[in-house]
Amino acid sequence: MRLTLMILPINEKLRLIDQLDDEDKKAIFRIIEGMLSKSKFKDFFQKNVAAL
């Protein structure tokens, strides 16, 4: 059975992540944090360049 995470509700996704071992959980959250930081930096940069 192949699991497609995109169609699962958020609480199910979190339940699946919670089943991972600690190192895998840390890796998942580092990836998410990195993508969020990158997105926030990009938005911040675009807004500040536009203000120049």
Protein backbone atom coordinates (compact mmCIF):
# COMPACT_ATOMS: atom_id res chain seq x y z
CA MET A 1 0.00 0.00 0.00
CA ARG A 2 1.41 3.38 -1.00
CA LEU A 3 0.50 6.26 1.24
CA THR A 4 -0.16 9.66 -0.30
CA LEU A 5 0.37 12.24 2.41
CA MET A 6 -1.06 15.12 0.40
CA ILE A 7 -4.61 13.81 0.74
CA LEU A 8 -4.46 13.01 4.46
CA PRO A 9 -5.83 15.41 7.08
CA ILE A 10 -3.21 17.24 9.15
CA ASN A 11 -3.94 15.25 12.32
CA GLU A 12 -3.25 12.01 10.45
CA LYS A 13 0.01 13.41 9.07
CA LEU A 14 1.08 14.39 12.58
CA ARG A 15 0.16 10.94 13.90
CA LEU A 16 2.35 9.33 11.24
CA ILE A 17 5.26 11.67 12.01
CA ASP A 18 4.87 10.87 15.70
CA GLN A 19 5.45 7.17 14.90
CA LEU A 20 8.93 7.90 13.53
CA ASP A 21 12.04 7.50 15.66
CA ASP A 22 13.46 10.68 17.20
CA GLU A 23 16.19 11.20 14.60
CA ASP A 24 13.71 10.94 11.74
CA LYS A 25 11.32 13.36 13.48
CA LYS A 26 14.16 15.84 13.92
CA ALA A 27 15.05 15.53 10.24
CA ILE A 28 11.44 16.14 9.14
CA PHE A 29 11.13 19.22 11.37
CA ARG A 30 14.50 20.60 10.24
CA ILE A 31 13.33 20.35 6.64
CA ILE A 32 10.04 22.08 7.44
CA GLU A 33 11.75 24.82 9.47
CA GLY A 34 14.27 25.38 6.69
CA MET A 35 11.55 25.74 4.07
CA LEU A 36 9.56 28.13 6.26
CA SER A 37 12.65 30.22 7.01
CA LYS A 38 13.55 30.35 3.33
CA SER A 39 10.03 31.45 2.42
CA LYS A 40 9.94 34.12 5.14
CA PHE A 41 13.35 35.44 4.08
CA LYS A 42 12.27 35.56 0.45
CA ASP A 43 9.11 37.52 1.36
CA PHE A 44 11.08 39.87 3.62
CA PHE A 45 13.71 40.46 0.94
CA GLN A 46 11.12 41.12 -1.78
CA LYS A 47 9.23 43.61 0.40
CA ASN A 48 12.38 45.49 1.37
CA VAL A 49 13.78 45.62 -2.15
CA ALA A 50 10.43 46.93 -3.38
CA ALA A 51 10.61 49.70 -0.78
CA LEU A 52 13.94 51.00 -2.15
